[in-house]
Amino acid sequence: HLDLDDGRWEDIHVVTGALKLFFRELPEPLVPFSH
């Protein structure tokens, strides 16, 4: 459970970095290898 009101989430770079990291770390990308 993440408390998004926690001050560490105020830095937009942390949030955007986490979003990009999430997609980069997926076993298969959003556009599947087959595509």
PDB file of all heavy atoms in Angstrom:
ATOM      1  N   HIS A   1       0.855  -1.192   0.000  1.00  0.00           N
ATOM      2  CA  HIS A   1       0.000   0.000   0.000  1.00  0.00           C
ATOM      3  C   HIS A   1       0.889   1.239   0.000  1.00  0.00           C
ATOM      4  O   HIS A   1       1.771   1.384   0.847  1.00  0.00           O
ATOM      5  CB  HIS A   1      -0.916   0.013   1.226  1.00  0.00           C
ATOM      6  CG  HIS A   1      -1.719   1.272   1.310  1.00  0.00           C
ATOM      7  ND1 HIS A   1      -2.763   1.532   0.451  1.00  0.00           N
ATOM      8  CD2 HIS A   1      -1.602   2.351   2.119  1.00  0.00           C
ATOM      9  CE1 HIS A   1      -3.266   2.728   0.731  1.00  0.00           C
ATOM     10  NE2 HIS A   1      -2.582   3.232   1.744  1.00  0.00           N
ATOM     11  N   LEU A   2       0.675   2.096  -0.958  1.00  0.00           N
ATOM     12  CA  LEU A   2       1.449   3.324  -1.052  1.00  0.00           C
ATOM     13  C   LEU A   2       0.591   4.507  -0.651  1.00  0.00           C
ATOM     14  O   LEU A   2      -0.545   4.653  -1.128  1.00  0.00           O
ATOM     15  CB  LEU A   2       1.948   3.538  -2.488  1.00  0.00           C
ATOM     16  CG  LEU A   2       2.945   2.524  -3.021  1.00  0.00           C
ATOM     17  CD1 LEU A   2       3.269   2.816  -4.474  1.00  0.00           C
ATOM     18  CD2 LEU A   2       4.216   2.535  -2.191  1.00  0.00           C
ATOM     19  N   ASP A   3       1.128   5.338   0.198  1.00  0.00           N
ATOM     20  CA  ASP A   3       0.450   6.567   0.592  1.00  0.00           C
ATOM     21  C   ASP A   3       0.934   7.664  -0.346  1.00  0.00           C
ATOM     22  O   ASP A   3       2.042   8.194  -0.181  1.00  0.00           O
ATOM     23  CB  ASP A   3       0.773   6.902   2.046  1.00  0.00           C
ATOM     24  CG  ASP A   3       0.138   8.214   2.491  1.00  0.00           C
ATOM     25  OD1 ASP A   3      -0.708   8.772   1.736  1.00  0.00           O
ATOM     26  OD2 ASP A   3       0.486   8.683   3.586  1.00  0.00           O
ATOM     27  N   LEU A   4       0.107   7.983  -1.344  1.00  0.00           N
ATOM     28  CA  LEU A   4       0.528   8.975  -2.336  1.00  0.00           C
ATOM     29  C   LEU A   4       0.568  10.388  -1.769  1.00  0.00           C
ATOM     30  O   LEU A   4       1.058  11.307  -2.428  1.00  0.00           O
ATOM     31  CB  LEU A   4      -0.377   8.899  -3.570  1.00  0.00           C
ATOM     32  CG  LEU A   4      -0.269   7.590  -4.353  1.00  0.00           C
ATOM     33  CD1 LEU A   4      -1.235   7.599  -5.536  1.00  0.00           C
ATOM     34  CD2 LEU A   4       1.150   7.333  -4.828  1.00  0.00           C
ATOM     35  N   ASP A   5       0.063  10.563  -0.537  1.00  0.00           N
ATOM     36  CA  ASP A   5       0.162  11.867   0.122  1.00  0.00           C
ATOM     37  C   ASP A   5       1.509  12.029   0.825  1.00  0.00           C
ATOM     38  O   ASP A   5       1.837  13.127   1.285  1.00  0.00           O
ATOM     39  CB  ASP A   5      -0.982  12.040   1.135  1.00  0.00           C
ATOM     40  CG  ASP A   5      -2.329  12.183   0.442  1.00  0.00           C
ATOM     41  OD1 ASP A   5      -2.368  12.782  -0.661  1.00  0.00           O
ATOM     42  OD2 ASP A   5      -3.331  11.701   1.008  1.00  0.00           O
ATOM     43  N   ASP A   6       2.283  10.961   0.893  1.00  0.00           N
ATOM     44  CA  ASP A   6       3.619  11.005   1.477  1.00  0.00           C
ATOM     45  C   ASP A   6       4.467  11.991   0.661  1.00  0.00           C
ATOM     46  O   ASP A   6       4.441  11.989  -0.572  1.00  0.00           O
ATOM     47  CB  ASP A   6       4.232   9.599   1.421  1.00  0.00           C
ATOM     48  CG  ASP A   6       5.579   9.519   2.113  1.00  0.00           C
ATOM     49  OD1 ASP A   6       6.351  10.486   2.056  1.00  0.00           O
ATOM     50  OD2 ASP A   6       5.860   8.455   2.696  1.00  0.00           O
ATOM     51  N   GLY A   7       5.228  12.820   1.325  1.00  0.00           N
ATOM     52  CA  GLY A   7       6.020  13.866   0.682  1.00  0.00           C
ATOM     53  C   GLY A   7       7.005  13.395  -0.366  1.00  0.00           C
ATOM     54  O   GLY A   7       7.339  14.127  -1.289  1.00  0.00           O
ATOM     55  N   ARG A   8       7.449  12.151  -0.258  1.00  0.00           N
ATOM     56  CA  ARG A   8       8.444  11.676  -1.233  1.00  0.00           C
ATOM     57  C   ARG A   8       7.863  11.543  -2.635  1.00  0.00           C
ATOM     58  O   ARG A   8       8.593  11.417  -3.606  1.00  0.00           O
ATOM     59  CB  ARG A   8       9.073  10.364  -0.795  1.00  0.00           C
ATOM     60  CG  ARG A   8       8.112   9.217  -0.716  1.00  0.00           C
ATOM     61  CD  ARG A   8       8.766   7.985  -0.155  1.00  0.00           C
ATOM     62  NE  ARG A   8       7.735   7.043   0.238  1.00  0.00           N
ATOM     63  CZ  ARG A   8       7.956   5.776   0.455  1.00  0.00           C
ATOM     64  NH1 ARG A   8       9.165   5.298   0.333  1.00  0.00           N
ATOM     65  NH2 ARG A   8       6.990   4.994   0.820  1.00  0.00           N
ATOM     66  N   TRP A   9       6.536  11.555  -2.763  1.00  0.00           N
ATOM     67  CA  TRP A   9       5.898  11.436  -4.070  1.00  0.00           C
ATOM     68  C   TRP A   9       5.626  12.795  -4.701  1.00  0.00           C
ATOM     69  O   TRP A   9       5.082  12.883  -5.788  1.00  0.00           O
ATOM     70  CB  TRP A   9       4.598  10.635  -3.971  1.00  0.00           C
ATOM     71  CG  TRP A   9       4.827   9.264  -3.445  1.00  0.00           C
ATOM     72  CD1 TRP A   9       4.429   8.776  -2.243  1.00  0.00           C
ATOM     73  CD2 TRP A   9       5.535   8.204  -4.086  1.00  0.00           C
ATOM     74  NE1 TRP A   9       4.847   7.480  -2.095  1.00  0.00           N
ATOM     75  CE2 TRP A   9       5.523   7.101  -3.210  1.00  0.00           C
ATOM     76  CE3 TRP A   9       6.177   8.078  -5.305  1.00  0.00           C
ATOM     77  CZ2 TRP A   9       6.129   5.889  -3.525  1.00  0.00           C
ATOM     78  CZ3 TRP A   9       6.775   6.858  -5.614  1.00  0.00           C
ATOM     79  CH2 TRP A   9       6.747   5.796  -4.731  1.00  0.00           C
ATOM     80  N   GLU A  10       6.019  13.868  -4.022  1.00  0.00           N
ATOM     81  CA  GLU A  10       5.784  15.211  -4.569  1.00  0.00           C
ATOM     82  C   GLU A  10       6.706  15.527  -5.741  1.00  0.00           C
ATOM     83  O   GLU A  10       6.366  16.338  -6.595  1.00  0.00           O
ATOM     84  CB  GLU A  10       5.948  16.262  -3.473  1.00  0.00           C
ATOM     85  CG  GLU A  10       4.821  16.226  -2.469  1.00  0.00           C
ATOM     86  CD  GLU A  10       4.993  17.260  -1.366  1.00  0.00           C
ATOM     87  OE1 GLU A  10       5.808  18.187  -1.528  1.00  0.00           O
ATOM     88  OE2 GLU A  10       4.285  17.127  -0.359  1.00  0.00           O
ATOM     89  N   ASP A  11       7.865  14.913  -5.788  1.00  0.00           N
ATOM     90  CA  ASP A  11       8.806  15.144  -6.886  1.00  0.00           C
ATOM     91  C   ASP A  11       8.296  14.399  -8.121  1.00  0.00           C
ATOM     92  O   ASP A  11       8.271  13.170  -8.154  1.00  0.00           O
ATOM     93  CB  ASP A  11      10.199  14.652  -6.504  1.00  0.00           C
ATOM     94  CG  ASP A  11      11.241  14.916  -7.592  1.00  0.00           C
ATOM     95  OD1 ASP A  11      10.888  15.431  -8.683  1.00  0.00           O
ATOM     96  OD2 ASP A  11      12.423  14.604  -7.352  1.00  0.00           O
ATOM     97  N   ILE A  12       7.895  15.149  -9.126  1.00  0.00           N
ATOM     98  CA  ILE A  12       7.310  14.565 -10.328  1.00  0.00           C
ATOM     99  C   ILE A  12       8.270  13.596 -11.012  1.00  0.00           C
ATOM    100  O   ILE A  12       7.854  12.627 -11.641  1.00  0.00           O
ATOM    101  CB  ILE A  12       6.824  15.662 -11.307  1.00  0.00           C
ATOM    102  CG1 ILE A  12       5.948  15.078 -12.408  1.00  0.00           C
ATOM    103  CG2 ILE A  12       8.002  16.418 -11.909  1.00  0.00           C
ATOM    104  CD1 ILE A  12       4.653  14.504 -11.938  1.00  0.00           C
ATOM    105  N   HIS A  13       9.560  13.814 -10.849  1.00  0.00           N
ATOM    106  CA  HIS A  13      10.552  12.941 -11.481  1.00  0.00           C
ATOM    107  C   HIS A  13      10.547  11.538 -10.868  1.00  0.00           C
ATOM    108  O   HIS A  13      10.831  10.561 -11.552  1.00  0.00           O
ATOM    109  CB  HIS A  13      11.943  13.564 -11.414  1.00  0.00           C
ATOM    110  CG  HIS A  13      12.014  14.889 -12.110  1.00  0.00           C
ATOM    111  ND1 HIS A  13      11.927  15.005 -13.481  1.00  0.00           N
ATOM    112  CD2 HIS A  13      12.112  16.151 -11.632  1.00  0.00           C
ATOM    113  CE1 HIS A  13      11.993  16.280 -13.817  1.00  0.00           C
ATOM    114  NE2 HIS A  13      12.091  16.993 -12.715  1.00  0.00           N
ATOM    115  N   VAL A  14      10.209  11.458  -9.584  1.00  0.00           N
ATOM    116  CA  VAL A  14      10.112  10.149  -8.925  1.00  0.00           C
ATOM    117  C   VAL A  14       8.932   9.375  -9.521  1.00  0.00           C
ATOM    118  O   VAL A  14       9.048   8.203  -9.874  1.00  0.00           O
ATOM    119  CB  VAL A  14       9.944  10.314  -7.395  1.00  0.00           C
ATOM    120  CG1 VAL A  14       9.623   8.971  -6.741  1.00  0.00           C
ATOM    121  CG2 VAL A  14      11.190  10.936  -6.780  1.00  0.00           C
ATOM    122  N   VAL A  15       7.808  10.062  -9.667  1.00  0.00           N
ATOM    123  CA  VAL A  15       6.603   9.414 -10.193  1.00  0.00           C
ATOM    124  C   VAL A  15       6.804   9.015 -11.650  1.00  0.00           C
ATOM    125  O   VAL A  15       6.506   7.880 -12.048  1.00  0.00           O
ATOM    126  CB  VAL A  15       5.373  10.335 -10.030  1.00  0.00           C
ATOM    127  CG1 VAL A  15       4.143   9.696 -10.644  1.00  0.00           C
ATOM    128  CG2 VAL A  15       5.138  10.645  -8.556  1.00  0.00           C
ATOM    129  N   THR A  16       7.301   9.930 -12.464  1.00  0.00           N
ATOM    130  CA  THR A  16       7.488   9.611 -13.878  1.00  0.00           C
ATOM    131  C   THR A  16       8.565   8.544 -14.071  1.00  0.00           C
ATOM    132  O   THR A  16       8.438   7.690 -14.948  1.00  0.00           O
ATOM    133  CB  THR A  16       7.837  10.870 -14.703  1.00  0.00           C
ATOM    134  OG1 THR A  16       9.014  11.485 -14.147  1.00  0.00           O
ATOM    135  CG2 THR A  16       6.702  11.871 -14.694  1.00  0.00           C
ATOM    136  N   GLY A  17       9.601   8.598 -13.253  1.00  0.00           N
ATOM    137  CA  GLY A  17      10.640   7.569 -13.322  1.00  0.00           C
ATOM    138  C   GLY A  17      10.080   6.193 -12.969  1.00  0.00           C
ATOM    139  O   GLY A  17      10.423   5.191 -13.597  1.00  0.00           O
ATOM    140  N   ALA A  18       9.196   6.162 -11.975  1.00  0.00           N
ATOM    141  CA  ALA A  18       8.571   4.893 -11.577  1.00  0.00           C
ATOM    142  C   ALA A  18       7.687   4.356 -12.702  1.00  0.00           C
ATOM    143  O   ALA A  18       7.677   3.147 -12.971  1.00  0.00           O
ATOM    144  CB  ALA A  18       7.756   5.083 -10.299  1.00  0.00           C
ATOM    145  N   LEU A  19       6.957   5.247 -13.365  1.00  0.00           N
ATOM    146  CA  LEU A  19       6.099   4.818 -14.479  1.00  0.00           C
ATOM    147  C   LEU A  19       6.940   4.222 -15.602  1.00  0.00           C
ATOM    148  O   LEU A  19       6.649   3.127 -16.095  1.00  0.00           O
ATOM    149  CB  LEU A  19       5.272   5.998 -15.004  1.00  0.00           C
ATOM    150  CG  LEU A  19       4.362   5.687 -16.191  1.00  0.00           C
ATOM    151  CD1 LEU A  19       3.261   4.713 -15.776  1.00  0.00           C
ATOM    152  CD2 LEU A  19       3.770   6.976 -16.753  1.00  0.00           C
ATOM    153  N   LYS A  20       7.982   4.921 -15.969  1.00  0.00           N
ATOM    154  CA  LYS A  20       8.844   4.422 -17.054  1.00  0.00           C
ATOM    155  C   LYS A  20       9.518   3.112 -16.644  1.00  0.00           C
ATOM    156  O   LYS A  20       9.589   2.168 -17.443  1.00  0.00           O
ATOM    157  CB  LYS A  20       9.887   5.476 -17.421  1.00  0.00           C
ATOM    158  CG  LYS A  20      10.707   5.072 -18.619  1.00  0.00           C
ATOM    159  CD  LYS A  20      11.686   6.143 -19.013  1.00  0.00           C
ATOM    160  CE  LYS A  20      12.616   5.605 -20.078  1.00  0.00           C
ATOM    161  NZ  LYS A  20      13.810   6.378 -20.238  1.00  0.00           N
ATOM    162  N   LEU A  21       9.975   3.024 -15.400  1.00  0.00           N
ATOM    163  CA  LEU A  21      10.614   1.803 -14.913  1.00  0.00           C
ATOM    164  C   LEU A  21       9.636   0.628 -14.939  1.00  0.00           C
ATOM    165  O   LEU A  21       9.997  -0.482 -15.327  1.00  0.00           O
ATOM    166  CB  LEU A  21      11.148   2.012 -13.494  1.00  0.00           C
ATOM    167  CG  LEU A  21      11.848   0.816 -12.858  1.00  0.00           C
ATOM    168  CD1 LEU A  21      13.108   0.444 -13.637  1.00  0.00           C
ATOM    169  CD2 LEU A  21      12.190   1.122 -11.399  1.00  0.00           C
ATOM    170  N   PHE A  22       8.385   0.887 -14.555  1.00  0.00           N
ATOM    171  CA  PHE A  22       7.368  -0.169 -14.583  1.00  0.00           C
ATOM    172  C   PHE A  22       7.269  -0.771 -15.977  1.00  0.00           C
ATOM    173  O   PHE A  22       7.322  -1.984 -16.150  1.00  0.00           O
ATOM    174  CB  PHE A  22       6.009   0.384 -14.146  1.00  0.00           C
ATOM    175  CG  PHE A  22       4.876  -0.571 -14.391  1.00  0.00           C
ATOM    176  CD1 PHE A  22       4.641  -1.628 -13.531  1.00  0.00           C
ATOM    177  CD2 PHE A  22       4.056  -0.423 -15.504  1.00  0.00           C
ATOM    178  CE1 PHE A  22       3.603  -2.531 -13.774  1.00  0.00           C
ATOM    179  CE2 PHE A  22       3.020  -1.314 -15.748  1.00  0.00           C
ATOM    180  CZ  PHE A  22       2.794  -2.369 -14.888  1.00  0.00           C
ATOM    181  N   PHE A  23       7.145   0.085 -16.988  1.00  0.00           N
ATOM    182  CA  PHE A  23       7.002  -0.412 -18.362  1.00  0.00           C
ATOM    183  C   PHE A  23       8.289  -1.055 -18.867  1.00  0.00           C
ATOM    184  O   PHE A  23       8.248  -2.037 -19.605  1.00  0.00           O
ATOM    185  CB  PHE A  23       6.526   0.698 -19.305  1.00  0.00           C
ATOM    186  CG  PHE A  23       5.059   0.979 -19.164  1.00  0.00           C
ATOM    187  CD1 PHE A  23       4.609   2.089 -18.478  1.00  0.00           C
ATOM    188  CD2 PHE A  23       4.117   0.104 -19.688  1.00  0.00           C
ATOM    189  CE1 PHE A  23       3.252   2.321 -18.327  1.00  0.00           C
ATOM    190  CE2 PHE A  23       2.758   0.327 -19.545  1.00  0.00           C
ATOM    191  CZ  PHE A  23       2.320   1.446 -18.856  1.00  0.00           C
ATOM    192  N   ARG A  24       9.434  -0.532 -18.470  1.00  0.00           N
ATOM    193  CA  ARG A  24      10.706  -1.098 -18.925  1.00  0.00           C
ATOM    194  C   ARG A  24      10.954  -2.479 -18.310  1.00  0.00           C
ATOM    195  O   ARG A  24      11.561  -3.340 -18.932  1.00  0.00           O
ATOM    196  CB  ARG A  24      11.857  -0.151 -18.594  1.00  0.00           C
ATOM    197  CG  ARG A  24      13.179  -0.604 -19.172  1.00  0.00           C
ATOM    198  CD  ARG A  24      14.313   0.392 -19.017  1.00  0.00           C
ATOM    199  NE  ARG A  24      14.533   0.798 -17.647  1.00  0.00           N
ATOM    200  CZ  ARG A  24      14.438   2.056 -17.203  1.00  0.00           C
ATOM    201  NH1 ARG A  24      14.135   3.037 -18.021  1.00  0.00           N
ATOM    202  NH2 ARG A  24      14.657   2.343 -15.947  1.00  0.00           N
ATOM    203  N   GLU A  25      10.473  -2.697 -17.091  1.00  0.00           N
ATOM    204  CA  GLU A  25      10.728  -3.951 -16.381  1.00  0.00           C
ATOM    205  C   GLU A  25       9.716  -5.051 -16.687  1.00  0.00           C
ATOM    206  O   GLU A  25       9.870  -6.174 -16.213  1.00  0.00           O
ATOM    207  CB  GLU A  25      10.767  -3.693 -14.866  1.00  0.00           C
ATOM    208  CG  GLU A  25      11.930  -2.824 -14.432  1.00  0.00           C
ATOM    209  CD  GLU A  25      13.285  -3.465 -14.661  1.00  0.00           C
ATOM    210  OE1 GLU A  25      13.412  -4.675 -14.399  1.00  0.00           O
ATOM    211  OE2 GLU A  25      14.201  -2.772 -15.113  1.00  0.00           O
ATOM    212  N   LEU A  26       8.682  -4.753 -17.470  1.00  0.00           N
ATOM    213  CA  LEU A  26       7.729  -5.799 -17.825  1.00  0.00           C
ATOM    214  C   LEU A  26       8.456  -6.914 -18.585  1.00  0.00           C
ATOM    215  O   LEU A  26       9.334  -6.629 -19.404  1.00  0.00           O
ATOM    216  CB  LEU A  26       6.610  -5.234 -18.711  1.00  0.00           C
ATOM    217  CG  LEU A  26       5.599  -4.310 -18.048  1.00  0.00           C
ATOM    218  CD1 LEU A  26       4.667  -3.703 -19.107  1.00  0.00           C
ATOM    219  CD2 LEU A  26       4.789  -5.049 -16.998  1.00  0.00           C
ATOM    220  N   PRO A  27       8.091  -8.167 -18.348  1.00  0.00           N
ATOM    221  CA  PRO A  27       8.752  -9.260 -19.072  1.00  0.00           C
ATOM    222  C   PRO A  27       8.565  -9.147 -20.586  1.00  0.00           C
ATOM    223  O   PRO A  27       9.444  -9.520 -21.353  1.00  0.00           O
ATOM    224  CB  PRO A  27       8.077 -10.521 -18.555  1.00  0.00           C
ATOM    225  CG  PRO A  27       7.215 -10.115 -17.417  1.00  0.00           C
ATOM    226  CD  PRO A  27       7.094  -8.632 -17.410  1.00  0.00           C
ATOM    227  N   GLU A  28       7.415  -8.642 -20.986  1.00  0.00           N
ATOM    228  CA  GLU A  28       7.155  -8.372 -22.400  1.00  0.00           C
ATOM    229  C   GLU A  28       6.677  -6.930 -22.482  1.00  0.00           C
ATOM    230  O   GLU A  28       5.870  -6.497 -21.670  1.00  0.00           O
ATOM    231  CB  GLU A  28       6.101  -9.323 -22.953  1.00  0.00           C
ATOM    232  CG  GLU A  28       5.870  -9.117 -24.443  1.00  0.00           C
ATOM    233  CD  GLU A  28       5.084 -10.259 -25.077  1.00  0.00           C
ATOM    234  OE1 GLU A  28       4.011 -10.587 -24.571  1.00  0.00           O
ATOM    235  OE2 GLU A  28       5.571 -10.795 -26.084  1.00  0.00           O
ATOM    236  N   PRO A  29       7.173  -6.169 -23.454  1.00  0.00           N
ATOM    237  CA  PRO A  29       6.785  -4.754 -23.527  1.00  0.00           C
ATOM    238  C   PRO A  29       5.299  -4.569 -23.831  1.00  0.00           C
ATOM    239  O   PRO A  29       4.596  -5.521 -24.184  1.00  0.00           O
ATOM    240  CB  PRO A  29       7.649  -4.197 -24.657  1.00  0.00           C
ATOM    241  CG  PRO A  29       8.221  -5.351 -25.372  1.00  0.00           C
ATOM    242  CD  PRO A  29       8.100  -6.556 -24.506  1.00  0.00           C
ATOM    243  N   LEU A  30       4.840  -3.335 -23.696  1.00  0.00           N
ATOM    244  CA  LEU A  30       3.442  -3.018 -23.981  1.00  0.00           C
ATOM    245  C   LEU A  30       3.080  -3.448 -25.400  1.00  0.00           C
ATOM    246  O   LEU A  30       2.010  -3.996 -25.638  1.00  0.00           O
ATOM    247  CB  LEU A  30       3.181  -1.521 -23.788  1.00  0.00           C
ATOM    248  CG  LEU A  30       1.727  -1.089 -23.900  1.00  0.00           C
ATOM    249  CD1 LEU A  30       0.857  -1.781 -22.856  1.00  0.00           C
ATOM    250  CD2 LEU A  30       1.611   0.421 -23.772  1.00  0.00           C
ATOM    251  N   VAL A  31       3.955  -3.199 -26.348  1.00  0.00           N
ATOM    252  CA  VAL A  31       3.785  -3.749 -27.701  1.00  0.00           C
ATOM    253  C   VAL A  31       4.512  -5.088 -27.678  1.00  0.00           C
ATOM    254  O   VAL A  31       5.746  -5.131 -27.592  1.00  0.00           O
ATOM    255  CB  VAL A  31       4.368  -2.824 -28.782  1.00  0.00           C
ATOM    256  CG1 VAL A  31       4.355  -3.509 -30.148  1.00  0.00           C
ATOM    257  CG2 VAL A  31       3.606  -1.509 -28.838  1.00  0.00           C
ATOM    258  N   PRO A  32       3.776  -6.194 -27.713  1.00  0.00           N
ATOM    259  CA  PRO A  32       4.407  -7.514 -27.579  1.00  0.00           C
ATOM    260  C   PRO A  32       5.485  -7.739 -28.637  1.00  0.00           C
ATOM    261  O   PRO A  32       5.434  -7.176 -29.727  1.00  0.00           O
ATOM    262  CB  PRO A  32       3.238  -8.485 -27.779  1.00  0.00           C
ATOM    263  CG  PRO A  32       2.008  -7.696 -27.498  1.00  0.00           C
ATOM    264  CD  PRO A  32       2.329  -6.279 -27.893  1.00  0.00           C
ATOM    265  N   PHE A  33       6.447  -8.579 -28.277  1.00  0.00           N
ATOM    266  CA  PHE A  33       7.532  -8.900 -29.205  1.00  0.00           C
ATOM    267  C   PHE A  33       6.990  -9.358 -30.555  1.00  0.00           C
ATOM    268  O   PHE A  33       7.546  -9.026 -31.600  1.00  0.00           O
ATOM    269  CB  PHE A  33       8.444  -9.991 -28.618  1.00  0.00           C
ATOM    270  CG  PHE A  33       9.184  -9.569 -27.386  1.00  0.00           C
ATOM    271  CD1 PHE A  33       9.098 -10.314 -26.221  1.00  0.00           C
ATOM    272  CD2 PHE A  33       9.986  -8.431 -27.382  1.00  0.00           C
ATOM    273  CE1 PHE A  33       9.793  -9.936 -25.081  1.00  0.00           C
ATOM    274  CE2 PHE A  33      10.678  -8.036 -26.251  1.00  0.00           C
ATOM    275  CZ  PHE A  33      10.582  -8.792 -25.087  1.00  0.00           C
ATOM    276  N   SER A  34       5.890 -10.093 -30.531  1.00  0.00           N
ATOM    277  CA  SER A  34       5.308 -10.622 -31.779  1.00  0.00           C
ATOM    278  C   SER A  34       4.813  -9.513 -32.703  1.00  0.00           C
ATOM    279  O   SER A  34       4.618  -9.738 -33.895  1.00  0.00           O
ATOM    280  CB  SER A  34       4.150 -11.566 -31.457  1.00  0.00           C
ATOM    281  OG  SER A  34       3.121 -10.866 -30.758  1.00  0.00           O
ATOM    282  N   HIS A  35       4.600  -8.315 -32.166  1.00  0.00           N
ATOM    283  CA  HIS A  35       4.088  -7.199 -32.966  1.00  0.00           C
ATOM    284  C   HIS A  35       5.171  -6.188 -33.360  1.00  0.00           C
ATOM    285  O   HIS A  35       4.909  -5.283 -34.144  1.00  0.00           O
ATOM    286  CB  HIS A  35       2.995  -6.457 -32.185  1.00  0.00           C
ATOM    287  CG  HIS A  35       1.680  -7.170 -32.153  1.00  0.00           C
ATOM    288  ND1 HIS A  35       1.499  -8.377 -31.522  1.00  0.00           N
ATOM    289  CD2 HIS A  35       0.480  -6.823 -32.677  1.00  0.00           C
ATOM    290  CE1 HIS A  35       0.243  -8.748 -31.648  1.00  0.00           C
ATOM    291  NE2 HIS A  35      -0.398  -7.829 -32.343  1.00  0.00           N
TER     292      HIS A  35
END
